[in-house]
N, C-alpha and C. Protein backbone atom coordinates (compact mmCIF):
# COMPACT_ATOMS: atom_id res chain seq x y z
N MET A 1 -0.79 -10.44 3.03
CA MET A 1 -1.47 -11.71 4.26
C MET A 1 -2.69 -11.46 4.77
N LEU A 2 -2.77 -10.44 4.92
CA LEU A 2 -4.02 -10.11 5.58
C LEU A 2 -5.27 -9.73 5.04
N VAL A 3 -5.08 -8.96 3.73
CA VAL A 3 -5.89 -9.22 2.73
C VAL A 3 -6.36 -10.53 2.01
N ARG A 4 -5.39 -11.23 2.09
CA ARG A 4 -5.71 -12.97 1.82
C ARG A 4 -7.07 -13.11 2.75
N ALA A 5 -6.31 -13.03 4.12
CA ALA A 5 -7.09 -13.50 5.13
C ALA A 5 -8.37 -13.05 4.82
N ALA A 6 -8.93 -11.74 5.01
CA ALA A 6 -9.84 -11.26 4.61
C ALA A 6 -10.65 -11.63 3.84
N LEU A 7 -10.36 -11.88 2.50
CA LEU A 7 -10.36 -12.49 0.58
C LEU A 7 -11.65 -14.10 1.42
N ALA A 8 -9.94 -14.62 2.32
CA ALA A 8 -10.54 -16.29 2.53
C ALA A 8 -11.89 -15.98 3.80
N HIS A 9 -12.84 -14.91 4.11
CA HIS A 9 -13.68 -15.11 5.08
C HIS A 9 -13.01 -14.99 6.47
N ASN A 10 -11.57 -14.84 6.96
CA ASN A 10 -11.46 -14.91 7.51
C ASN A 10 -11.66 -13.69 8.87
N GLY A 11 -12.69 -12.74 8.80
CA GLY A 11 -12.65 -11.70 10.17
C GLY A 11 -11.94 -10.53 9.40
N ILE A 12 -12.26 -9.19 10.16
CA ILE A 12 -12.14 -8.13 9.71
C ILE A 12 -10.60 -7.46 9.86
N ILE A 13 -10.16 -6.97 8.83
CA ILE A 13 -8.82 -5.91 9.02
C ILE A 13 -8.80 -5.13 8.77
N ARG A 14 -7.19 -4.34 9.25
CA ARG A 14 -7.59 -2.79 9.34
C ARG A 14 -5.83 -2.84 8.96
N VAL A 15 -6.15 -2.28 7.65
CA VAL A 15 -5.10 -1.90 6.77
C VAL A 15 -5.04 -0.53 5.87
N PRO A 16 -4.12 -0.29 5.79
CA PRO A 16 -4.51 1.21 4.50
C PRO A 16 -4.84 0.62 3.25
N THR A 17 -5.54 1.38 2.80
CA THR A 17 -6.74 1.47 1.91
C THR A 17 -6.20 1.16 0.21
N PHE A 18 -4.24 1.21 0.51
CA PHE A 18 -3.76 1.42 -0.74
C PHE A 18 -3.40 -0.07 -1.12
N TYR A 19 -3.32 -1.15 0.16
CA TYR A 19 -3.11 -2.59 0.14
C TYR A 19 -3.95 -3.43 -0.23
N CYS A 20 -5.32 -2.62 0.11
CA CYS A 20 -6.79 -3.31 -0.92
C CYS A 20 -8.04 -2.51 -2.11
N HIS A 21 -7.21 -2.09 -1.87
CA HIS A 21 -8.44 -0.66 -3.05
C HIS A 21 -8.60 -1.49 -4.76
N GLN A 22 -7.83 -2.08 -4.55
CA GLN A 22 -8.60 -3.13 -5.67
C GLN A 22 -9.44 -4.16 -5.41
N GLU A 23 -9.15 -4.53 -4.17
CA GLU A 23 -10.81 -5.64 -4.09
C GLU A 23 -11.38 -5.00 -3.90
N ILE A 24 -11.48 -3.69 -3.20
CA ILE A 24 -12.70 -2.94 -2.31
C ILE A 24 -13.40 -2.42 -4.07
N ALA A 25 -12.42 -2.21 -5.01
CA ALA A 25 -13.14 -1.38 -6.56
C ALA A 25 -13.87 -2.80 -6.97
N ARG A 26 -13.31 -4.14 -6.87
CA ARG A 26 -14.02 -5.31 -7.24
C ARG A 26 -15.28 -5.30 -6.72
N GLY A 27 -15.35 -4.99 -5.54
CA GLY A 27 -16.48 -4.83 -4.74
C GLY A 27 -16.16 -7.00 -3.88
N GLU A 28 -15.10 -7.15 -3.66
CA GLU A 28 -14.57 -8.36 -3.10
C GLU A 28 -14.30 -8.42 -1.76
N LEU A 29 -14.18 -6.85 -1.62
CA LEU A 29 -13.93 -6.52 -0.23
C LEU A 29 -14.90 -5.19 0.13
N VAL A 30 -15.44 -4.59 1.33
CA VAL A 30 -16.37 -4.05 1.72
C VAL A 30 -15.61 -3.12 3.13
N GLU A 31 -15.55 -2.28 2.83
CA GLU A 31 -15.09 -0.74 4.13
C GLU A 31 -16.27 -0.69 5.05
N VAL A 32 -15.99 -1.17 6.07
CA VAL A 32 -17.31 -1.75 7.22
C VAL A 32 -17.05 -0.06 8.15
N PHE A 33 -15.69 0.32 8.21
CA PHE A 33 -16.10 1.80 9.11
C PHE A 33 -15.49 2.54 8.20
N GLN A 34 -16.71 3.00 7.39
CA GLN A 34 -15.92 4.67 6.16
C GLN A 34 -15.40 5.69 6.90
N ASP A 35 -16.07 6.02 8.11
CA ASP A 35 -15.59 7.30 8.55
C ASP A 35 -14.79 7.63 9.47
N TRP A 36 -13.79 6.32 9.96
CA TRP A 36 -12.97 5.97 10.66
C TRP A 36 -11.49 5.75 10.40
N HIS A 37 -10.63 7.52 10.54
CA HIS A 37 -9.71 7.05 9.86
C HIS A 37 -8.07 7.69 11.37
N ILE A 38 -7.14 6.79 10.79
CA ILE A 38 -6.21 7.02 11.31
C ILE A 38 -5.09 8.14 11.03
N PRO A 39 -4.55 8.52 11.40
CA PRO A 39 -3.45 9.93 10.71
C PRO A 39 -2.83 9.23 9.84
N SER A 40 -2.30 9.88 8.84
CA SER A 40 -0.72 9.21 7.92
C SER A 40 0.65 9.11 8.85
N VAL A 41 1.26 7.95 8.65
CA VAL A 41 2.45 8.75 8.73
C VAL A 41 3.77 8.49 7.73
N GLU A 42 4.69 9.12 7.81
CA GLU A 42 5.44 9.49 7.16
C GLU A 42 6.42 8.06 6.50
N PHE A 43 6.46 7.82 5.42
CA PHE A 43 6.93 6.88 4.33
C PHE A 43 8.68 7.33 4.14
N SER A 44 9.82 6.40 4.38
CA SER A 44 10.48 6.78 3.63
C SER A 44 11.44 5.61 2.92
N LEU A 45 11.87 5.84 1.83
CA LEU A 45 12.93 4.52 1.70
C LEU A 45 14.32 5.06 1.72
N ILE A 46 15.41 4.49 2.85
CA ILE A 46 16.16 4.78 3.08
C ILE A 46 17.36 3.69 2.42
N TYR A 47 17.80 4.57 1.51
CA TYR A 47 19.37 3.61 1.09
C TYR A 47 20.72 4.79 1.22
N HIS A 48 21.95 3.34 1.16
CA HIS A 48 23.13 3.83 1.38
C HIS A 48 23.73 4.67 0.12
N LYS A 49 23.97 6.15 0.36
CA LYS A 49 24.09 6.75 -0.83
C LYS A 49 25.45 6.74 -1.11
N ASP A 50 25.99 6.22 -1.88
CA ASP A 50 27.32 6.93 -2.80
C ASP A 50 27.25 6.96 -4.49
N LYS A 51 28.47 6.75 -4.85
CA LYS A 51 28.70 6.96 -5.81
C LYS A 51 27.32 6.51 -6.75
N TYR A 52 27.71 4.55 -6.78
CA TYR A 52 27.18 3.80 -7.31
C TYR A 52 25.73 3.54 -6.94
N GLN A 53 24.78 3.21 -7.93
CA GLN A 53 23.65 3.01 -7.10
C GLN A 53 23.02 1.56 -8.35
N PRO A 54 22.86 0.41 -7.42
CA PRO A 54 23.00 -0.98 -8.33
C PRO A 54 21.82 -0.48 -9.33
N VAL A 55 21.00 -0.90 -10.96
CA VAL A 55 20.19 -0.60 -10.99
C VAL A 55 18.85 -1.42 -10.82
N ARG A 56 19.16 -2.27 -9.88
CA ARG A 56 17.91 -3.02 -8.91
C ARG A 56 17.29 -2.05 -7.86
N LEU A 57 18.50 -1.35 -7.68
CA LEU A 57 18.02 -0.01 -6.16
C LEU A 57 17.14 0.88 -7.15
N LYS A 58 17.83 1.49 -8.09
CA LYS A 58 17.16 2.74 -8.86
C LYS A 58 15.75 1.94 -9.17
N ARG A 59 15.16 1.14 -9.53
CA ARG A 59 13.97 0.14 -10.46
C ARG A 59 12.60 0.20 -8.79
N PHE A 60 13.76 -0.10 -7.76
CA PHE A 60 12.78 -0.26 -6.55
C PHE A 60 12.05 1.18 -6.35
N ILE A 61 13.19 2.16 -6.63
CA ILE A 61 12.87 3.65 -5.81
C ILE A 61 11.92 3.95 -6.84
N GLU A 62 12.30 3.78 -8.09
CA GLU A 62 11.07 4.69 -9.10
C GLU A 62 9.73 3.44 -8.90
N PHE A 63 9.33 2.45 -9.18
CA PHE A 63 8.66 1.59 -8.71
C PHE A 63 7.97 2.37 -7.62
N SER A 64 8.42 2.22 -6.33
CA SER A 64 7.93 2.67 -4.89
C SER A 64 7.33 4.29 -5.38
N GLN A 65 7.62 5.64 -5.65
CA GLN A 65 7.40 6.80 -5.95
C GLN A 65 6.39 6.79 -6.90
N ARG A 66 6.14 5.84 -8.01
CA ARG A 66 4.98 5.64 -8.97
C ARG A 66 3.85 4.83 -7.78
N TYR A 67 4.58 3.72 -7.70
CA TYR A 67 2.99 3.06 -7.17
C TYR A 67 2.51 3.57 -5.87
N PHE A 68 3.10 4.36 -5.18
CA PHE A 68 2.40 4.98 -3.26
C PHE A 68 1.94 6.51 -4.53
N GLU A 69 2.47 7.48 -4.94
CA GLU A 69 1.57 8.15 -5.87
C GLU A 69 0.78 7.99 -6.39
N GLN A 70 0.06 6.82 -7.20
CA GLN A 70 -1.01 6.41 -7.75
C GLN A 70 -1.73 6.25 -6.66
N SER A 71 -1.40 5.87 -5.50
CA SER A 71 -1.96 5.16 -4.62
C SER A 71 -2.31 6.08 -3.60
N VAL A 72 -2.36 7.31 -3.52
CA VAL A 72 -2.87 8.72 -3.14
C VAL A 72 -3.94 9.15 -3.98
N ILE A 73 -3.09 9.33 -5.14
CA ILE A 73 -4.56 9.83 -5.93
C ILE A 73 -5.37 8.82 -5.80
N GLU A 74 -5.75 7.50 -6.01
CA GLU A 74 -6.89 6.64 -5.91
C GLU A 74 -7.61 6.80 -4.54
């Protein structure tokens, strides 16, 4: 929602780069404070660990791992 607001010329936003790295790469958004960084925070997926995991849960975990690993690389 914040990225869409910035794209609609509704001001400056502060979001992690992985939320808008594609828009920055396309030149749709510009980083204003490139030297200003905040410390990273831990990110966890928490779910009930039992013998059965629905396929949708497994797929979401796999997707999240790929997405965030790729975001860290970029």
